[in-house]
Amino acid sequence: MHFKQVMQALYYIKPLLNFISVACLGFIVYLFLVSTINMQNAYAMPSLLLAVWSLLMSALIGLYSHKPSTDNVDKGWFARMKSKVGKGLFNMVSLIFALVTFALLYVTIRLLRL
């Protein structure tokens, strides 16, 4: 099974990931408005990390489920150029997401002191 097919199979959990991120952000707002400082210290950071990770996974699923195809059909020069530009932009965005994922992993490890 190819990576694009796995992402298309996981596409149905994208709304769940978005709901989790909104719920975590709502929980953080609730903590800041109602709870004590000790509860804020205990629950705000894990909620923020869960919200950011779920948004990142939702974005990755959305990006990779719509990956451009690699058809080798005989096309005109403009269609080939457009295809190469699209693939290049997709690769650049994929690289940016990989860097963001590693940065978020580093921040998660530093904040949780693992």
N, C-alpha and C. Protein backbone atom coordinates (compact mmCIF):
# COMPACT_ATOMS: atom_id res chain seq x y z
N MET A 1 0.84 -1.17 0.00
CA MET A 1 0.00 0.00 0.00
C MET A 1 0.89 1.24 0.00
N HIS A 2 0.62 2.16 -0.89
CA HIS A 2 1.43 3.36 -1.01
C HIS A 2 1.02 4.39 0.03
N PHE A 3 1.92 5.35 0.25
CA PHE A 3 1.71 6.37 1.28
C PHE A 3 0.45 7.19 0.99
N LYS A 4 0.22 7.51 -0.27
CA LYS A 4 -0.97 8.29 -0.64
C LYS A 4 -2.24 7.51 -0.32
N GLN A 5 -2.23 6.23 -0.54
CA GLN A 5 -3.41 5.41 -0.24
C GLN A 5 -3.65 5.32 1.27
N VAL A 6 -2.57 5.27 2.04
CA VAL A 6 -2.71 5.25 3.50
C VAL A 6 -3.32 6.56 3.97
N MET A 7 -2.85 7.67 3.43
CA MET A 7 -3.39 8.97 3.82
C MET A 7 -4.85 9.13 3.38
N GLN A 8 -5.20 8.58 2.23
CA GLN A 8 -6.60 8.63 1.81
C GLN A 8 -7.47 7.76 2.70
N ALA A 9 -6.93 6.65 3.19
CA ALA A 9 -7.68 5.81 4.12
C ALA A 9 -7.85 6.49 5.48
N LEU A 10 -6.87 7.30 5.88
CA LEU A 10 -6.94 8.00 7.15
C LEU A 10 -7.67 9.34 7.06
N TYR A 11 -8.13 9.69 5.88
CA TYR A 11 -8.75 11.01 5.68
C TYR A 11 -10.02 11.18 6.53
N TYR A 12 -10.68 10.08 6.88
CA TYR A 12 -11.90 10.19 7.66
C TYR A 12 -11.65 10.64 9.10
N ILE A 13 -10.41 10.53 9.61
CA ILE A 13 -10.13 10.98 10.97
C ILE A 13 -9.73 12.45 11.02
N LYS A 14 -9.64 13.11 9.87
CA LYS A 14 -9.28 14.52 9.85
C LYS A 14 -10.27 15.39 10.62
N PRO A 15 -11.59 15.22 10.48
CA PRO A 15 -12.50 16.03 11.30
C PRO A 15 -12.35 15.75 12.80
N LEU A 16 -12.04 14.52 13.16
CA LEU A 16 -11.81 14.18 14.56
C LEU A 16 -10.58 14.91 15.10
N LEU A 17 -9.53 14.97 14.32
CA LEU A 17 -8.33 15.69 14.74
C LEU A 17 -8.62 17.19 14.89
N ASN A 18 -9.41 17.75 13.97
CA ASN A 18 -9.77 19.16 14.08
C ASN A 18 -10.62 19.40 15.33
N PHE A 19 -11.55 18.49 15.62
CA PHE A 19 -12.37 18.62 16.82
C PHE A 19 -11.51 18.53 18.09
N ILE A 20 -10.55 17.63 18.10
CA ILE A 20 -9.66 17.50 19.26
C ILE A 20 -8.89 18.79 19.50
N SER A 21 -8.39 19.40 18.42
CA SER A 21 -7.62 20.63 18.59
C SER A 21 -8.51 21.77 19.10
N VAL A 22 -9.73 21.89 18.58
CA VAL A 22 -10.64 22.93 19.07
C VAL A 22 -11.03 22.66 20.52
N ALA A 23 -11.27 21.40 20.87
CA ALA A 23 -11.63 21.06 22.25
C ALA A 23 -10.48 21.37 23.20
N CYS A 24 -9.26 21.08 22.79
CA CYS A 24 -8.11 21.37 23.65
C CYS A 24 -7.92 22.87 23.84
N LEU A 25 -8.09 23.63 22.77
CA LEU A 25 -7.98 25.08 22.91
C LEU A 25 -9.10 25.64 23.78
N GLY A 26 -10.31 25.09 23.64
CA GLY A 26 -11.41 25.49 24.51
C GLY A 26 -11.14 25.14 25.96
N PHE A 27 -10.52 23.99 26.19
CA PHE A 27 -10.16 23.58 27.55
C PHE A 27 -9.13 24.52 28.15
N ILE A 28 -8.19 24.98 27.32
CA ILE A 28 -7.19 25.93 27.81
C ILE A 28 -7.86 27.25 28.20
N VAL A 29 -8.78 27.73 27.40
CA VAL A 29 -9.51 28.95 27.74
C VAL A 29 -10.29 28.75 29.04
N TYR A 30 -10.93 27.60 29.19
CA TYR A 30 -11.65 27.29 30.43
C TYR A 30 -10.70 27.29 31.62
N LEU A 31 -9.53 26.69 31.44
CA LEU A 31 -8.56 26.67 32.53
C LEU A 31 -8.15 28.08 32.95
N PHE A 32 -7.92 28.95 31.98
CA PHE A 32 -7.47 30.29 32.31
C PHE A 32 -8.58 31.14 32.94
N LEU A 33 -9.82 30.85 32.61
CA LEU A 33 -10.92 31.64 33.15
C LEU A 33 -11.41 31.16 34.50
N VAL A 34 -11.41 29.84 34.74
CA VAL A 34 -12.10 29.30 35.91
C VAL A 34 -11.16 28.66 36.94
N SER A 35 -10.15 27.97 36.49
CA SER A 35 -9.39 27.11 37.41
C SER A 35 -8.29 27.86 38.16
N THR A 36 -7.65 27.13 39.03
CA THR A 36 -6.56 27.68 39.83
C THR A 36 -5.24 27.62 39.05
N ILE A 37 -4.25 28.27 39.59
CA ILE A 37 -2.92 28.29 38.96
C ILE A 37 -2.32 26.89 38.91
N ASN A 38 -2.50 26.10 39.93
CA ASN A 38 -1.95 24.74 39.97
C ASN A 38 -2.56 23.88 38.86
N MET A 39 -3.86 24.01 38.64
CA MET A 39 -4.49 23.25 37.55
C MET A 39 -4.02 23.75 36.19
N GLN A 40 -3.82 25.06 36.07
CA GLN A 40 -3.31 25.62 34.82
C GLN A 40 -1.92 25.08 34.53
N ASN A 41 -1.08 25.03 35.55
CA ASN A 41 0.28 24.50 35.37
C ASN A 41 0.26 23.03 34.98
N ALA A 42 -0.68 22.29 35.50
CA ALA A 42 -0.71 20.84 35.25
C ALA A 42 -1.32 20.49 33.90
N TYR A 43 -2.33 21.23 33.44
CA TYR A 43 -3.09 20.79 32.28
C TYR A 43 -2.97 21.67 31.03
N ALA A 44 -2.50 22.88 31.16
CA ALA A 44 -2.48 23.78 30.00
C ALA A 44 -1.45 23.34 28.95
N MET A 45 -0.25 23.00 29.38
CA MET A 45 0.80 22.64 28.42
C MET A 45 0.50 21.33 27.68
N PRO A 46 0.07 20.27 28.36
CA PRO A 46 -0.30 19.07 27.60
C PRO A 46 -1.47 19.30 26.64
N SER A 47 -2.41 20.15 27.03
CA SER A 47 -3.53 20.44 26.14
C SER A 47 -3.06 21.21 24.91
N LEU A 48 -2.15 22.15 25.11
CA LEU A 48 -1.61 22.91 23.98
C LEU A 48 -0.83 21.99 23.05
N LEU A 49 -0.02 21.11 23.60
CA LEU A 49 0.75 20.19 22.76
C LEU A 49 -0.17 19.25 21.98
N LEU A 50 -1.21 18.75 22.63
CA LEU A 50 -2.16 17.89 21.93
C LEU A 50 -2.88 18.64 20.81
N ALA A 51 -3.23 19.89 21.06
CA ALA A 51 -3.88 20.70 20.03
C ALA A 51 -2.96 20.92 18.83
N VAL A 52 -1.71 21.25 19.09
CA VAL A 52 -0.76 21.52 18.00
C VAL A 52 -0.46 20.23 17.22
N TRP A 53 -0.26 19.10 17.92
CA TRP A 53 0.01 17.84 17.23
C TRP A 53 -1.19 17.40 16.39
N SER A 54 -2.40 17.59 16.90
CA SER A 54 -3.57 17.17 16.12
C SER A 54 -3.76 18.07 14.90
N LEU A 55 -3.49 19.36 15.03
CA LEU A 55 -3.56 20.23 13.86
C LEU A 55 -2.49 19.87 12.82
N LEU A 56 -1.30 19.54 13.28
CA LEU A 56 -0.24 19.15 12.36
C LEU A 56 -0.60 17.86 11.63
N MET A 57 -1.12 16.88 12.36
CA MET A 57 -1.50 15.62 11.71
C MET A 57 -2.66 15.82 10.74
N SER A 58 -3.59 16.69 11.08
CA SER A 58 -4.70 16.99 10.18
C SER A 58 -4.18 17.64 8.89
N ALA A 59 -3.24 18.56 9.03
CA ALA A 59 -2.66 19.21 7.85
C ALA A 59 -1.87 18.22 7.00
N LEU A 60 -1.12 17.32 7.64
CA LEU A 60 -0.36 16.33 6.88
C LEU A 60 -1.28 15.36 6.13
N ILE A 61 -2.35 14.94 6.78
CA ILE A 61 -3.30 14.05 6.11
C ILE A 61 -3.95 14.76 4.93
N GLY A 62 -4.32 16.03 5.12
CA GLY A 62 -4.91 16.80 4.03
C GLY A 62 -3.94 17.01 2.88
N LEU A 63 -2.68 17.24 3.20
CA LEU A 63 -1.68 17.47 2.16
C LEU A 63 -1.38 16.20 1.37
N TYR A 64 -1.11 15.12 2.07
CA TYR A 64 -0.66 13.90 1.39
C TYR A 64 -1.79 13.10 0.76
N SER A 65 -3.03 13.37 1.13
CA SER A 65 -4.12 12.66 0.46
C SER A 65 -4.42 13.27 -0.90
N HIS A 66 -3.92 14.48 -1.15
CA HIS A 66 -4.11 15.14 -2.45
C HIS A 66 -2.78 15.32 -3.17
N LYS A 67 -1.92 14.35 -3.04
CA LYS A 67 -0.61 14.39 -3.69
C LYS A 67 -0.77 14.36 -5.20
N PRO A 68 0.00 15.17 -5.93
CA PRO A 68 -0.12 15.16 -7.39
C PRO A 68 0.30 13.81 -7.98
N SER A 69 -0.39 13.42 -9.02
CA SER A 69 -0.10 12.13 -9.64
C SER A 69 1.19 12.20 -10.45
N THR A 70 1.76 11.02 -10.72
CA THR A 70 3.00 10.94 -11.48
C THR A 70 2.74 10.25 -12.81
N ASP A 71 1.76 10.72 -13.54
CA ASP A 71 1.44 10.13 -14.84
C ASP A 71 2.53 10.48 -15.85
N ASN A 72 2.89 9.52 -16.66
CA ASN A 72 3.89 9.73 -17.71
C ASN A 72 3.23 9.79 -19.08
N VAL A 73 2.10 10.44 -19.15
CA VAL A 73 1.37 10.58 -20.40
C VAL A 73 2.06 11.65 -21.24
N ASP A 74 2.10 11.44 -22.54
CA ASP A 74 2.72 12.39 -23.45
C ASP A 74 1.89 13.68 -23.45
N LYS A 75 2.51 14.76 -22.98
CA LYS A 75 1.83 16.04 -22.86
C LYS A 75 2.62 17.09 -23.63
N GLY A 76 2.01 18.24 -23.76
CA GLY A 76 2.70 19.37 -24.37
C GLY A 76 3.70 19.96 -23.39
N TRP A 77 4.49 20.89 -23.86
CA TRP A 77 5.54 21.45 -23.03
C TRP A 77 4.97 22.26 -21.87
N PHE A 78 3.85 22.96 -22.08
CA PHE A 78 3.26 23.75 -21.01
C PHE A 78 2.69 22.85 -19.91
N ALA A 79 2.05 21.76 -20.29
CA ALA A 79 1.49 20.83 -19.31
C ALA A 79 2.61 20.16 -18.51
N ARG A 80 3.71 19.81 -19.18
CA ARG A 80 4.86 19.24 -18.47
C ARG A 80 5.46 20.24 -17.50
N MET A 81 5.57 21.49 -17.93
CA MET A 81 6.12 22.54 -17.07
C MET A 81 5.22 22.77 -15.86
N LYS A 82 3.93 22.80 -16.09
CA LYS A 82 2.97 23.00 -15.00
C LYS A 82 3.04 21.83 -14.02
N SER A 83 3.18 20.62 -14.54
CA SER A 83 3.29 19.45 -13.68
C SER A 83 4.57 19.49 -12.85
N LYS A 84 5.68 19.90 -13.45
CA LYS A 84 6.95 19.99 -12.72
C LYS A 84 6.90 21.07 -11.65
N VAL A 85 6.27 22.19 -11.95
CA VAL A 85 6.15 23.26 -10.95
C VAL A 85 5.27 22.79 -9.79
N GLY A 86 4.19 22.10 -10.10
CA GLY A 86 3.31 21.58 -9.04
C GLY A 86 4.01 20.57 -8.17
N LYS A 87 4.77 19.67 -8.78
CA LYS A 87 5.51 18.69 -7.99
C LYS A 87 6.61 19.35 -7.15
N GLY A 88 7.24 20.36 -7.72
CA GLY A 88 8.27 21.08 -6.97
C GLY A 88 7.69 21.81 -5.76
N LEU A 89 6.55 22.46 -5.94
CA LEU A 89 5.89 23.12 -4.81
C LEU A 89 5.44 22.11 -3.76
N PHE A 90 4.94 20.97 -4.22
CA PHE A 90 4.53 19.93 -3.28
C PHE A 90 5.72 19.42 -2.48
N ASN A 91 6.84 19.21 -3.13
CA ASN A 91 8.05 18.75 -2.42
C ASN A 91 8.54 19.80 -1.43
N MET A 92 8.44 21.10 -1.81
CA MET A 92 8.86 22.16 -0.91
C MET A 92 7.96 22.21 0.33
N VAL A 93 6.66 22.09 0.13
CA VAL A 93 5.73 22.09 1.26
C VAL A 93 5.95 20.85 2.13
N SER A 94 6.24 19.72 1.51
CA SER A 94 6.54 18.51 2.28
C SER A 94 7.78 18.68 3.14
N LEU A 95 8.79 19.33 2.60
CA LEU A 95 10.00 19.59 3.36
C LEU A 95 9.72 20.53 4.52
N ILE A 96 8.91 21.55 4.30
CA ILE A 96 8.55 22.48 5.37
C ILE A 96 7.80 21.75 6.47
N PHE A 97 6.85 20.87 6.10
CA PHE A 97 6.12 20.11 7.10
C PHE A 97 7.04 19.17 7.87
N ALA A 98 8.02 18.59 7.21
CA ALA A 98 8.97 17.72 7.90
C ALA A 98 9.78 18.54 8.91
N LEU A 99 10.22 19.72 8.53
CA LEU A 99 10.97 20.57 9.45
C LEU A 99 10.10 21.02 10.63
N VAL A 100 8.85 21.36 10.35
CA VAL A 100 7.94 21.76 11.43
C VAL A 100 7.69 20.59 12.38
N THR A 101 7.58 19.38 11.84
CA THR A 101 7.38 18.21 12.67
C THR A 101 8.57 17.97 13.59
N PHE A 102 9.77 18.08 13.05
CA PHE A 102 10.96 17.89 13.89
C PHE A 102 11.08 19.01 14.93
N ALA A 103 10.75 20.24 14.56
CA ALA A 103 10.80 21.34 15.52
C ALA A 103 9.77 21.13 16.62
N LEU A 104 8.58 20.66 16.25
CA LEU A 104 7.55 20.41 17.25
C LEU A 104 7.93 19.24 18.15
N LEU A 105 8.58 18.24 17.61
CA LEU A 105 9.06 17.13 18.42
C LEU A 105 10.11 17.61 19.42
N TYR A 106 11.01 18.47 18.97
CA TYR A 106 12.03 19.04 19.86
C TYR A 106 11.37 19.86 20.97
N VAL A 107 10.39 20.69 20.61
CA VAL A 107 9.71 21.51 21.61
C VAL A 107 8.95 20.63 22.60
N THR A 108 8.31 19.58 22.10
CA THR A 108 7.58 18.68 22.97
C THR A 108 8.51 18.01 23.98
N ILE A 109 9.64 17.54 23.51
CA ILE A 109 10.60 16.89 24.41
C ILE A 109 11.14 17.88 25.43
N ARG A 110 11.42 19.10 24.98
CA ARG A 110 11.95 20.11 25.92
C ARG A 110 10.90 20.52 26.94
N LEU A 111 9.65 20.67 26.52
CA LEU A 111 8.61 21.11 27.46
C LEU A 111 8.21 20.03 28.43
N LEU A 112 8.19 18.80 27.98
CA LEU A 112 7.81 17.70 28.87
C LEU A 112 9.00 17.13 29.63
N ARG A 113 10.20 17.59 29.27
CA ARG A 113 11.45 17.15 29.92
C ARG A 113 11.61 15.64 29.90
N LEU A 114 11.47 15.07 28.72
CA LEU A 114 11.63 13.62 28.58
C LEU A 114 13.08 13.25 28.35
